[in-house]
């Protein structure tokens, strides 16, 4: 799950960083005190990187094919691409890489926390067109829409980072890891300008009928054990917005909240089947069904069933 690299050798740094981000060229200035990279992989499509440049250097990078969001903890970066030029200092959050754009960066003793995300994840949470022909979801600005949005990005990043690092068992569960990646993507879509449509169209309102809901519910019920996104629920028949509206209109909830309820019920069934003395723990069951926090799982379980999950597991 974790990767670590540290060097003062610029040629080696080019080689290693090129393997992580794509082709890069590095020009160092002055004293070379080292470059350090620590990577935590959520899934194959989402990674959390902590990068330290203890020197001044210029980087020229070819298109990475990924989105790179940067929370600059210290130092300064002058960032440039075909669509954006910006000077950033400690405490600023910005989009440092678009999938198809080469970029440059002049870095001065910087420490950064990066989220490196496959743009394909965007289509699992949002769509852009009124009709059925999909178009890519793209970010149209490089800075958060407000200071509050930047703060929310930092909070979410820290929560995901700390959860995954503190709980290796949770990080190893596919549903937990995929959910953490989508949480980051959802926060990015809320924090940065983009071309995703959020309000239902006339077509979406027409499609949000009970038959759409019944198909979606059946799909979730049958596939709750898998890594399911709202786009999977919508499939090819309706838009993500129509699915969301159908659940809100007819059930007063969201498709992902319904999925969490179904998974909570599966977790309850696992606890009931296991019984005391079988070696199964409440935490293991929570992670298995995609709950990143055992305490939040326990709170949701008590709200739903009136008892704690440990009570169900240890019943006589």
C-alpha atoms as a PDB file:
ATOM      1  CA  UNK A   1       0.000   0.000   0.000  1.00  0.00           C
ATOM      2  CA  UNK A   2       2.800   2.485   0.899  1.00  0.00           C
ATOM      3  CA  UNK A   3       5.858   3.449  -1.155  1.00  0.00           C
ATOM      4  CA  UNK A   4       8.795   5.545   0.008  1.00  0.00           C
ATOM      5  CA  UNK A   5      11.623   7.176  -1.929  1.00  0.00           C
ATOM      6  CA  UNK A   6      14.324   9.677  -0.955  1.00  0.00           C
ATOM      7  CA  UNK A   7      17.418  10.880  -2.836  1.00  0.00           C
ATOM      8  CA  UNK A   8      19.745  13.777  -3.585  1.00  0.00           C
ATOM      9  CA  UNK A   9      20.569  12.311  -7.002  1.00  0.00           C
ATOM     10  CA  UNK A  10      18.682  14.355  -9.619  1.00  0.00           C
ATOM     11  CA  UNK A  11      19.023  11.714 -12.344  1.00  0.00           C
ATOM     12  CA  UNK A  12      17.586   9.085 -10.017  1.00  0.00           C
ATOM     13  CA  UNK A  13      14.816  11.482  -8.992  1.00  0.00           C
ATOM     14  CA  UNK A  14      13.912  12.031 -12.652  1.00  0.00           C
ATOM     15  CA  UNK A  15      13.737   8.272 -13.162  1.00  0.00           C
ATOM     16  CA  UNK A  16      11.605   7.551 -10.092  1.00  0.00           C
ATOM     17  CA  UNK A  17       9.276  10.544 -10.407  1.00  0.00           C
ATOM     18  CA  UNK A  18       8.937   9.788 -14.111  1.00  0.00           C
ATOM     19  CA  UNK A  19       7.721   6.319 -13.239  1.00  0.00           C
ATOM     20  CA  UNK A  20       5.137   7.786 -10.861  1.00  0.00           C
ATOM     21  CA  UNK A  21       3.920  10.855 -12.741  1.00  0.00           C
ATOM     22  CA  UNK A  22       5.141  10.430 -16.299  1.00  0.00           C
ATOM     23  CA  UNK A  23       8.135  11.943 -18.059  1.00  0.00           C
ATOM     24  CA  UNK A  24       9.774  14.749 -16.077  1.00  0.00           C
ATOM     25  CA  UNK A  25      12.911  16.826 -16.482  1.00  0.00           C
ATOM     26  CA  UNK A  26      14.469  18.342 -13.358  1.00  0.00           C
ATOM     27  CA  UNK A  27      16.924  21.227 -13.151  1.00  0.00           C
ATOM     28  CA  UNK A  28      18.267  21.807  -9.644  1.00  0.00           C
ATOM     29  CA  UNK A  29      19.632  25.091  -8.294  1.00  0.00           C
ATOM     30  CA  UNK A  30      21.988  25.566  -5.360  1.00  0.00           C
ATOM     31  CA  UNK A  31      22.354  23.114  -2.516  1.00  0.00           C
ATOM     32  CA  UNK A  32      20.712  19.739  -3.070  1.00  0.00           C
ATOM     33  CA  UNK A  33      19.292  18.612   0.244  1.00  0.00           C
ATOM     34  CA  UNK A  34      17.029  15.955  -1.152  1.00  0.00           C
ATOM     35  CA  UNK A  35      13.709  14.938  -2.673  1.00  0.00           C
ATOM     36  CA  UNK A  36      11.326  12.668  -0.774  1.00  0.00           C
ATOM     37  CA  UNK A  37       8.140  10.939  -1.907  1.00  0.00           C
ATOM     38  CA  UNK A  38       5.747   8.858   0.179  1.00  0.00           C
ATOM     39  CA  UNK A  39       2.810   7.317  -1.683  1.00  0.00           C
ATOM     40  CA  UNK A  40      -0.301   5.748  -0.206  1.00  0.00           C
ATOM     41  CA  UNK A  41      -2.432   3.987  -2.825  1.00  0.00           C
ATOM     42  CA  UNK A  42      -6.166   3.882  -2.184  1.00  0.00           C
ATOM     43  CA  UNK A  43      -6.913   2.014  -5.406  1.00  0.00           C
ATOM     44  CA  UNK A  44      -5.134   1.675  -8.727  1.00  0.00           C
ATOM     45  CA  UNK A  45      -6.901   4.904  -9.742  1.00  0.00           C
ATOM     46  CA  UNK A  46      -6.328   7.102  -6.681  1.00  0.00           C
ATOM     47  CA  UNK A  47      -3.182   7.823  -4.673  1.00  0.00           C
ATOM     48  CA  UNK A  48      -2.177  10.121  -1.840  1.00  0.00           C
ATOM     49  CA  UNK A  49       1.362  11.487  -2.126  1.00  0.00           C
ATOM     50  CA  UNK A  50       3.415  13.444   0.377  1.00  0.00           C
ATOM     51  CA  UNK A  51       6.286  15.131  -1.491  1.00  0.00           C
ATOM     52  CA  UNK A  52       9.166  17.164  -0.074  1.00  0.00           C
ATOM     53  CA  UNK A  53      11.634  19.193  -2.162  1.00  0.00           C
ATOM     54  CA  UNK A  54      14.430  20.376   0.142  1.00  0.00           C
ATOM     55  CA  UNK A  55      16.002  22.494  -2.573  1.00  0.00           C
ATOM     56  CA  UNK A  56      15.160  24.871  -5.400  1.00  0.00           C
ATOM     57  CA  UNK A  57      14.441  23.243  -8.741  1.00  0.00           C
ATOM     58  CA  UNK A  58      12.548  23.544 -12.000  1.00  0.00           C
ATOM     59  CA  UNK A  59      10.408  20.674 -13.284  1.00  0.00           C
ATOM     60  CA  UNK A  60       9.033  20.222 -16.795  1.00  0.00           C
ATOM     61  CA  UNK A  61       6.454  17.436 -16.972  1.00  0.00           C
ATOM     62  CA  UNK A  62       4.744  15.778 -19.900  1.00  0.00           C
ATOM     63  CA  UNK A  63       0.976  15.137 -19.657  1.00  0.00           C
ATOM     64  CA  UNK A  64       0.384  12.697 -16.824  1.00  0.00           C
ATOM     65  CA  UNK A  65      -3.045  11.370 -17.819  1.00  0.00           C
ATOM     66  CA  UNK A  66      -4.172  12.108 -14.259  1.00  0.00           C
ATOM     67  CA  UNK A  67      -5.587  14.866 -12.123  1.00  0.00           C
ATOM     68  CA  UNK A  68      -3.209  16.153  -9.457  1.00  0.00           C
ATOM     69  CA  UNK A  69      -4.551  18.256  -6.594  1.00  0.00           C
ATOM     70  CA  UNK A  70      -1.970  19.994  -4.415  1.00  0.00           C
ATOM     71  CA  UNK A  71      -2.245  21.266  -0.854  1.00  0.00           C
ATOM     72  CA  UNK A  72       1.003  23.200  -0.467  1.00  0.00           C
ATOM     73  CA  UNK A  73       2.111  22.882   3.152  1.00  0.00           C
ATOM     74  CA  UNK A  74       5.231  25.029   2.929  1.00  0.00           C
ATOM     75  CA  UNK A  75       7.515  26.683   0.411  1.00  0.00           C
ATOM     76  CA  UNK A  76       6.576  28.258  -2.895  1.00  0.00           C
ATOM     77  CA  UNK A  77       5.634  26.947  -6.338  1.00  0.00           C
ATOM     78  CA  UNK A  78       5.278  28.873  -9.591  1.00  0.00           C
ATOM     79  CA  UNK A  79       3.101  26.597 -11.701  1.00  0.00           C
ATOM     80  CA  UNK A  80       2.410  26.909 -15.409  1.00  0.00           C
ATOM     81  CA  UNK A  81       0.518  25.068 -18.130  1.00  0.00           C
ATOM     82  CA  UNK A  82      -1.173  25.814 -21.444  1.00  0.00           C
ATOM     83  CA  UNK A  83      -4.256  27.022 -19.547  1.00  0.00           C
ATOM     84  CA  UNK A  84      -2.978  28.406 -16.268  1.00  0.00           C
ATOM     85  CA  UNK A  85      -0.113  30.226 -14.592  1.00  0.00           C
ATOM     86  CA  UNK A  86      -0.070  30.709 -10.857  1.00  0.00           C
ATOM     87  CA  UNK A  87       2.157  31.501  -7.904  1.00  0.00           C
ATOM     88  CA  UNK A  88       1.313  29.546  -4.791  1.00  0.00           C
ATOM     89  CA  UNK A  89       2.517  29.674  -1.221  1.00  0.00           C
ATOM     90  CA  UNK A  90       2.085  27.825   2.023  1.00  0.00           C
ATOM     91  CA  UNK A  91      -1.521  26.945   2.793  1.00  0.00           C
ATOM     92  CA  UNK A  92      -2.860  27.196  -0.747  1.00  0.00           C
ATOM     93  CA  UNK A  93      -4.787  24.452  -2.540  1.00  0.00           C
ATOM     94  CA  UNK A  94      -4.816  24.209  -6.323  1.00  0.00           C
ATOM     95  CA  UNK A  95      -5.126  21.851  -9.273  1.00  0.00           C
ATOM     96  CA  UNK A  96      -1.528  21.110 -10.253  1.00  0.00           C
ATOM     97  CA  UNK A  97      -2.133  18.746 -13.160  1.00  0.00           C
ATOM     98  CA  UNK A  98      -4.759  18.125 -15.828  1.00  0.00           C
ATOM     99  CA  UNK A  99      -4.695  14.811 -17.748  1.00  0.00           C
ATOM    100  CA  UNK A 100      -3.786  16.216 -21.173  1.00  0.00           C
ATOM    101  CA  UNK A 101      -1.670  19.232 -20.233  1.00  0.00           C
ATOM    102  CA  UNK A 102       2.114  19.446 -19.985  1.00  0.00           C
ATOM    103  CA  UNK A 103       3.189  21.717 -17.172  1.00  0.00           C
ATOM    104  CA  UNK A 104       6.148  23.396 -15.535  1.00  0.00           C
ATOM    105  CA  UNK A 105       6.868  24.155 -11.895  1.00  0.00           C
ATOM    106  CA  UNK A 106       9.517  26.316 -10.273  1.00  0.00           C
ATOM    107  CA  UNK A 107       9.769  24.962  -6.732  1.00  0.00           C
ATOM    108  CA  UNK A 108      11.432  26.484  -3.687  1.00  0.00           C
ATOM    109  CA  UNK A 109      11.792  24.238  -0.632  1.00  0.00           C
ATOM    110  CA  UNK A 110       8.239  22.927  -0.876  1.00  0.00           C
ATOM    111  CA  UNK A 111       6.307  20.307   1.048  1.00  0.00           C
ATOM    112  CA  UNK A 112       3.071  19.208  -0.598  1.00  0.00           C
ATOM    113  CA  UNK A 113       0.217  16.775  -0.117  1.00  0.00           C
ATOM    114  CA  UNK A 114      -1.041  15.542  -3.465  1.00  0.00           C
ATOM    115  CA  UNK A 115      -4.079  13.570  -4.548  1.00  0.00           C
ATOM    116  CA  UNK A 116      -3.411  11.826  -7.871  1.00  0.00           C
ATOM    117  CA  UNK A 117      -6.668  10.693  -9.452  1.00  0.00           C
ATOM    118  CA  UNK A 118      -7.598   8.895 -12.658  1.00  0.00           C
ATOM    119  CA  UNK A 119     -10.119  11.145 -14.464  1.00  0.00           C
ATOM    120  CA  UNK A 120     -12.243   8.076 -15.199  1.00  0.00           C
ATOM    121  CA  UNK A 121     -13.380   8.228 -11.569  1.00  0.00           C
ATOM    122  CA  UNK A 122     -15.203  11.494 -12.310  1.00  0.00           C
ATOM    123  CA  UNK A 123     -17.687   9.725 -14.574  1.00  0.00           C
ATOM    124  CA  UNK A 124     -18.657   7.426 -11.708  1.00  0.00           C
ATOM    125  CA  UNK A 125     -20.090  10.400  -9.815  1.00  0.00           C
ATOM    126  CA  UNK A 126     -21.171  13.007 -12.353  1.00  0.00           C
ATOM    127  CA  UNK A 127     -22.236  13.556 -15.938  1.00  0.00           C
ATOM    128  CA  UNK A 128     -22.183  16.567 -18.196  1.00  0.00           C
ATOM    129  CA  UNK A 129     -24.825  16.314 -20.911  1.00  0.00           C
ATOM    130  CA  UNK A 130     -28.576  16.582 -21.096  1.00  0.00           C
ATOM    131  CA  UNK A 131     -28.837  13.725 -23.560  1.00  0.00           C
ATOM    132  CA  UNK A 132     -27.384  10.239 -23.589  1.00  0.00           C
ATOM    133  CA  UNK A 133     -24.095  10.968 -25.393  1.00  0.00           C
ATOM    134  CA  UNK A 134     -21.448  11.171 -22.662  1.00  0.00           C
ATOM    135  CA  UNK A 135     -18.827  13.879 -22.561  1.00  0.00           C
ATOM    136  CA  UNK A 136     -15.818  13.922 -20.250  1.00  0.00           C
ATOM    137  CA  UNK A 137     -16.133  15.627 -16.896  1.00  0.00           C
ATOM    138  CA  UNK A 138     -13.443  18.302 -16.812  1.00  0.00           C
ATOM    139  CA  UNK A 139     -12.227  20.862 -14.329  1.00  0.00           C
ATOM    140  CA  UNK A 140     -12.518  24.375 -15.733  1.00  0.00           C
ATOM    141  CA  UNK A 141     -10.561  26.213 -13.032  1.00  0.00           C
ATOM    142  CA  UNK A 142      -7.394  25.556 -11.079  1.00  0.00           C
ATOM    143  CA  UNK A 143      -8.310  27.060  -7.713  1.00  0.00           C
ATOM    144  CA  UNK A 144     -11.147  26.203  -5.291  1.00  0.00           C
ATOM    145  CA  UNK A 145     -14.401  28.116  -5.672  1.00  0.00           C
ATOM    146  CA  UNK A 146     -14.078  29.584  -2.157  1.00  0.00           C
ATOM    147  CA  UNK A 147     -11.900  29.484   0.958  1.00  0.00           C
ATOM    148  CA  UNK A 148     -14.513  27.196   2.513  1.00  0.00           C
ATOM    149  CA  UNK A 149     -14.151  24.791  -0.422  1.00  0.00           C
ATOM    150  CA  UNK A 150     -10.373  24.744   0.035  1.00  0.00           C
ATOM    151  CA  UNK A 151     -10.838  24.026   3.735  1.00  0.00           C
ATOM    152  CA  UNK A 152     -13.218  21.173   2.960  1.00  0.00           C
ATOM    153  CA  UNK A 153     -10.666  19.660   0.599  1.00  0.00           C
ATOM    154  CA  UNK A 154      -8.026  19.728   3.356  1.00  0.00           C
ATOM    155  CA  UNK A 155     -10.388  18.157   5.880  1.00  0.00           C
ATOM    156  CA  UNK A 156     -11.417  15.387   3.498  1.00  0.00           C
ATOM    157  CA  UNK A 157      -7.856  14.655   2.428  1.00  0.00           C
ATOM    158  CA  UNK A 158      -6.709  14.438   6.056  1.00  0.00           C
ATOM    159  CA  UNK A 159      -9.634  12.190   6.974  1.00  0.00           C
ATOM    160  CA  UNK A 160      -8.947   9.780   4.108  1.00  0.00           C
ATOM    161  CA  UNK A 161      -5.186   9.824   4.700  1.00  0.00           C
ATOM    162  CA  UNK A 162      -5.442   9.240   8.429  1.00  0.00           C
ATOM    163  CA  UNK A 163      -8.119   6.558   8.093  1.00  0.00           C
ATOM    164  CA  UNK A 164      -6.146   4.561   5.560  1.00  0.00           C
ATOM    165  CA  UNK A 165      -2.809   4.904   7.365  1.00  0.00           C
ATOM    166  CA  UNK A 166      -4.222   4.174  10.819  1.00  0.00           C
ATOM    167  CA  UNK A 167      -6.244   1.150   9.723  1.00  0.00           C
ATOM    168  CA  UNK A 168      -4.339  -1.166   7.367  1.00  0.00           C
ATOM    169  CA  UNK A 169      -7.137  -3.720   7.688  1.00  0.00           C
ATOM    170  CA  UNK A 170      -9.624  -1.133   6.472  1.00  0.00           C
ATOM    171  CA  UNK A 171      -7.354  -0.035   3.627  1.00  0.00           C
ATOM    172  CA  UNK A 172      -7.078  -3.646   2.466  1.00  0.00           C
ATOM    173  CA  UNK A 173     -10.852  -3.959   2.010  1.00  0.00           C
ATOM    174  CA  UNK A 174     -11.866  -3.078  -1.595  1.00  0.00           C
ATOM    175  CA  UNK A 175     -15.145  -1.421  -0.622  1.00  0.00           C
ATOM    176  CA  UNK A 176     -13.438   0.818   1.934  1.00  0.00           C
ATOM    177  CA  UNK A 177     -10.641   1.832  -0.442  1.00  0.00           C
ATOM    178  CA  UNK A 178     -13.021   2.514  -3.332  1.00  0.00           C
ATOM    179  CA  UNK A 179     -15.312   4.523  -1.071  1.00  0.00           C
ATOM    180  CA  UNK A 180     -12.398   6.629   0.147  1.00  0.00           C
ATOM    181  CA  UNK A 181     -11.337   7.350  -3.434  1.00  0.00           C
ATOM    182  CA  UNK A 182     -14.861   8.418  -4.389  1.00  0.00           C
ATOM    183  CA  UNK A 183     -15.074  10.645  -1.333  1.00  0.00           C
ATOM    184  CA  UNK A 184     -12.010  12.517  -2.571  1.00  0.00           C
ATOM    185  CA  UNK A 185     -13.462  12.802  -6.070  1.00  0.00           C
ATOM    186  CA  UNK A 186     -16.816  14.042  -4.776  1.00  0.00           C
ATOM    187  CA  UNK A 187     -15.020  16.668  -2.690  1.00  0.00           C
ATOM    188  CA  UNK A 188     -12.952  17.763  -5.690  1.00  0.00           C
ATOM    189  CA  UNK A 189     -16.118  18.151  -7.784  1.00  0.00           C
ATOM    190  CA  UNK A 190     -17.659  20.293  -5.048  1.00  0.00           C
ATOM    191  CA  UNK A 191     -14.508  22.332  -4.410  1.00  0.00           C
ATOM    192  CA  UNK A 192     -13.197  23.131  -7.909  1.00  0.00           C
ATOM    193  CA  UNK A 193     -14.972  24.606 -10.962  1.00  0.00           C
ATOM    194  CA  UNK A 194     -16.006  21.947 -13.475  1.00  0.00           C
ATOM    195  CA  UNK A 195     -18.459  21.225 -16.280  1.00  0.00           C
ATOM    196  CA  UNK A 196     -20.576  18.627 -14.459  1.00  0.00           C
ATOM    197  CA  UNK A 197     -24.297  19.299 -14.450  1.00  0.00           C
ATOM    198  CA  UNK A 198     -25.960  19.148 -11.054  1.00  0.00           C
ATOM    199  CA  UNK A 199     -29.567  20.219 -11.608  1.00  0.00           C
ATOM    200  CA  UNK A 200     -31.957  17.688 -13.214  1.00  0.00           C
ATOM    201  CA  UNK A 201     -33.088  18.508 -16.741  1.00  0.00           C
ATOM    202  CA  UNK A 202     -36.592  18.047 -18.128  1.00  0.00           C
ATOM    203  CA  UNK A 203     -35.468  14.654 -19.469  1.00  0.00           C
ATOM    204  CA  UNK A 204     -34.101  13.668 -16.064  1.00  0.00           C
ATOM    205  CA  UNK A 205     -37.377  14.572 -14.368  1.00  0.00           C
ATOM    206  CA  UNK A 206     -39.273  12.484 -16.899  1.00  0.00           C
ATOM    207  CA  UNK A 207     -36.930   9.511 -16.376  1.00  0.00           C
ATOM    208  CA  UNK A 208     -37.147   9.635 -12.568  1.00  0.00           C
ATOM    209  CA  UNK A 209     -40.250   7.447 -12.462  1.00  0.00           C
ATOM    210  CA  UNK A 210     -40.998   4.420 -10.236  1.00  0.00           C
ATOM    211  CA  UNK A 211     -39.836   1.922 -12.858  1.00  0.00           C
ATOM    212  CA  UNK A 212     -36.406   3.558 -12.894  1.00  0.00           C
ATOM    213  CA  UNK A 213     -36.297   3.344  -9.124  1.00  0.00           C
ATOM    214  CA  UNK A 214     -37.329  -0.334  -9.117  1.00  0.00           C
ATOM    215  CA  UNK A 215     -34.539  -1.240 -11.556  1.00  0.00           C
ATOM    216  CA  UNK A 216     -32.007   0.730  -9.525  1.00  0.00           C
ATOM    217  CA  UNK A 217     -33.085  -0.843  -6.228  1.00  0.00           C
ATOM    218  CA  UNK A 218     -32.896  -4.328  -7.743  1.00  0.00           C
ATOM    219  CA  UNK A 219     -29.403  -3.615  -9.076  1.00  0.00           C
ATOM    220  CA  UNK A 220     -28.176  -2.384  -5.691  1.00  0.00           C
ATOM    221  CA  UNK A 221     -29.758  -5.299  -3.833  1.00  0.00           C
ATOM    222  CA  UNK A 222     -28.031  -7.785  -6.124  1.00  0.00           C
ATOM    223  CA  UNK A 223     -24.626  -6.060  -6.199  1.00  0.00           C
ATOM    224  CA  UNK A 224     -24.148  -4.523  -2.755  1.00  0.00           C
ATOM    225  CA  UNK A 225     -21.131  -6.760  -2.157  1.00  0.00           C
ATOM    226  CA  UNK A 226     -19.355  -5.213  -5.150  1.00  0.00           C
ATOM    227  CA  UNK A 227     -17.718  -1.827  -5.721  1.00  0.00           C
ATOM    228  CA  UNK A 228     -20.820   0.009  -6.959  1.00  0.00           C
ATOM    229  CA  UNK A 229     -20.955   3.645  -8.048  1.00  0.00           C
ATOM    230  CA  UNK A 230     -23.967   5.783  -8.873  1.00  0.00           C
ATOM    231  CA  UNK A 231     -22.962   5.543 -12.532  1.00  0.00           C
ATOM    232  CA  UNK A 232     -23.194   1.742 -12.289  1.00  0.00           C
ATOM    233  CA  UNK A 233     -26.705   2.134 -10.905  1.00  0.00           C
ATOM    234  CA  UNK A 234     -27.677   4.463 -13.728  1.00  0.00           C
ATOM    235  CA  UNK A 235     -25.971   2.252 -16.321  1.00  0.00           C
ATOM    236  CA  UNK A 236     -26.828   3.227 -19.894  1.00  0.00           C
ATOM    237  CA  UNK A 237     -30.566   3.845 -19.549  1.00  0.00           C
ATOM    238  CA  UNK A 238     -30.732   7.128 -17.610  1.00  0.00           C
ATOM    239  CA  UNK A 239     -28.412   9.825 -16.329  1.00  0.00           C
ATOM    240  CA  UNK A 240     -26.851   9.964 -12.882  1.00  0.00           C
ATOM    241  CA  UNK A 241     -29.058  12.978 -12.151  1.00  0.00           C
ATOM    242  CA  UNK A 242     -32.212  11.014 -13.037  1.00  0.00           C
ATOM    243  CA  UNK A 243     -31.250   8.183 -10.680  1.00  0.00           C
ATOM    244  CA  UNK A 244     -30.548  10.631  -7.878  1.00  0.00           C
ATOM    245  CA  UNK A 245     -33.861  12.386  -8.463  1.00  0.00           C
ATOM    246  CA  UNK A 246     -35.775   9.075  -8.560  1.00  0.00           C
ATOM    247  CA  UNK A 247     -34.422   8.049  -5.159  1.00  0.00           C
ATOM    248  CA  UNK A 248     -35.089  11.483  -3.676  1.00  0.00           C
ATOM    249  CA  UNK A 249     -38.572  11.748  -5.158  1.00  0.00           C
ATOM    250  CA  UNK A 250     -39.835   8.272  -4.272  1.00  0.00           C
ATOM    251  CA  UNK A 251     -37.729   7.227  -1.253  1.00  0.00           C
ATOM    252  CA  UNK A 252     -36.511  10.483   0.257  1.00  0.00           C
ATOM    253  CA  UNK A 253     -32.889   9.387   0.094  1.00  0.00           C
ATOM    254  CA  UNK A 254     -29.927   9.096  -2.293  1.00  0.00           C
ATOM    255  CA  UNK A 255     -28.811   5.963  -4.173  1.00  0.00           C
ATOM    256  CA  UNK A 256     -25.573   5.805  -2.174  1.00  0.00           C
ATOM    257  CA  UNK A 257     -27.416   6.162   1.121  1.00  0.00           C
ATOM    258  CA  UNK A 258     -29.704   3.317   0.078  1.00  0.00           C
ATOM    259  CA  UNK A 259     -26.609   1.263  -0.785  1.00  0.00           C
ATOM    260  CA  UNK A 260     -25.222   1.953   2.698  1.00  0.00           C
ATOM    261  CA  UNK A 261     -28.486   0.748   4.238  1.00  0.00           C
ATOM    262  CA  UNK A 262     -28.346  -2.471   2.222  1.00  0.00           C
ATOM    263  CA  UNK A 263     -24.737  -3.047   3.231  1.00  0.00           C
ATOM    264  CA  UNK A 264     -25.627  -2.359   6.857  1.00  0.00           C
ATOM    265  CA  UNK A 265     -28.238  -5.097   6.656  1.00  0.00           C
ATOM    266  CA  UNK A 266     -25.701  -7.502   5.143  1.00  0.00           C
ATOM    267  CA  UNK A 267     -23.330  -6.650   7.993  1.00  0.00           C
ATOM    268  CA  UNK A 268     -26.088  -7.443  10.493  1.00  0.00           C
ATOM    269  CA  UNK A 269     -26.688 -10.798   8.833  1.00  0.00           C
ATOM    270  CA  UNK A 270     -22.953 -11.589   9.049  1.00  0.00           C
ATOM    271  CA  UNK A 271     -22.946 -10.759  12.763  1.00  0.00           C
ATOM    272  CA  UNK A 272     -26.025 -12.880  13.390  1.00  0.00           C
ATOM    273  CA  UNK A 273     -24.569 -15.859  11.525  1.00  0.00           C
ATOM    274  CA  UNK A 274     -21.217 -15.610  13.290  1.00  0.00           C
ATOM    275  CA  UNK A 275     -22.321 -15.516  16.896  1.00  0.00           C
ATOM    276  CA  UNK A 276     -19.926 -15.354  19.864  1.00  0.00           C
ATOM    277  CA  UNK A 277     -16.657 -17.282  19.896  1.00  0.00           C
ATOM    278  CA  UNK A 278     -16.302 -17.532  16.137  1.00  0.00           C
ATOM    279  CA  UNK A 279     -13.353 -15.171  15.824  1.00  0.00           C
ATOM    280  CA  UNK A 280     -15.216 -12.568  13.775  1.00  0.00           C
ATOM    281  CA  UNK A 281     -15.042  -8.985  15.043  1.00  0.00           C
ATOM    282  CA  UNK A 282     -17.396  -6.068  14.599  1.00  0.00           C
ATOM    283  CA  UNK A 283     -14.560  -4.048  13.075  1.00  0.00           C
ATOM    284  CA  UNK A 284     -13.830  -6.713  10.463  1.00  0.00           C
ATOM    285  CA  UNK A 285     -17.492  -6.824   9.455  1.00  0.00           C
ATOM    286  CA  UNK A 286     -17.632  -3.028   9.223  1.00  0.00           C
ATOM    287  CA  UNK A 287     -14.609  -2.936   6.932  1.00  0.00           C
ATOM    288  CA  UNK A 288     -15.909  -5.821   4.816  1.00  0.00           C
ATOM    289  CA  UNK A 289     -19.035  -3.839   3.995  1.00  0.00           C
ATOM    290  CA  UNK A 290     -17.291  -0.585   3.202  1.00  0.00           C
ATOM    291  CA  UNK A 291     -17.558   1.320   6.491  1.00  0.00           C
ATOM    292  CA  UNK A 292     -14.292   3.193   7.021  1.00  0.00           C
ATOM    293  CA  UNK A 293     -14.871   3.812  10.739  1.00  0.00           C
ATOM    294  CA  UNK A 294     -15.975   1.133  13.177  1.00  0.00           C
ATOM    295  CA  UNK A 295     -17.351   3.803  15.532  1.00  0.00           C
ATOM    296  CA  UNK A 296     -19.478   5.348  12.778  1.00  0.00           C
ATOM    297  CA  UNK A 297     -20.597   1.866  11.778  1.00  0.00           C
ATOM    298  CA  UNK A 298     -21.652   1.180  15.364  1.00  0.00           C
ATOM    299  CA  UNK A 299     -23.584   4.455  15.538  1.00  0.00           C
ATOM    300  CA  UNK A 300     -25.393   3.751  12.259  1.00  0.00           C
ATOM    301  CA  UNK A 301     -26.118   0.202  13.378  1.00  0.00           C
ATOM    302  CA  UNK A 302     -27.635   1.360  16.671  1.00  0.00           C
ATOM    303  CA  UNK A 303     -29.814   3.923  14.876  1.00  0.00           C
ATOM    304  CA  UNK A 304     -31.078   1.264  12.476  1.00  0.00           C
ATOM    305  CA  UNK A 305     -31.594  -1.690  14.832  1.00  0.00           C
ATOM    306  CA  UNK A 306     -31.743  -0.252  18.337  1.00  0.00           C
ATOM    307  CA  UNK A 307     -28.795  -2.303  19.632  1.00  0.00           C
ATOM    308  CA  UNK A 308     -25.051  -2.225  19.191  1.00  0.00           C
ATOM    309  CA  UNK A 309     -23.370  -4.525  16.655  1.00  0.00           C
ATOM    310  CA  UNK A 310     -21.428  -6.155  19.496  1.00  0.00           C
ATOM    311  CA  UNK A 311     -24.762  -7.022  21.130  1.00  0.00           C
ATOM    312  CA  UNK A 312     -25.846  -8.806  17.952  1.00  0.00           C
ATOM    313  CA  UNK A 313     -22.531 -10.629  17.685  1.00  0.00           C
ATOM    314  CA  UNK A 314     -22.394 -11.704  21.330  1.00  0.00           C
ATOM    315  CA  UNK A 315     -26.065 -12.512  21.867  1.00  0.00           C
ATOM    316  CA  UNK A 316     -26.819 -15.770  23.711  1.00  0.00           C
END
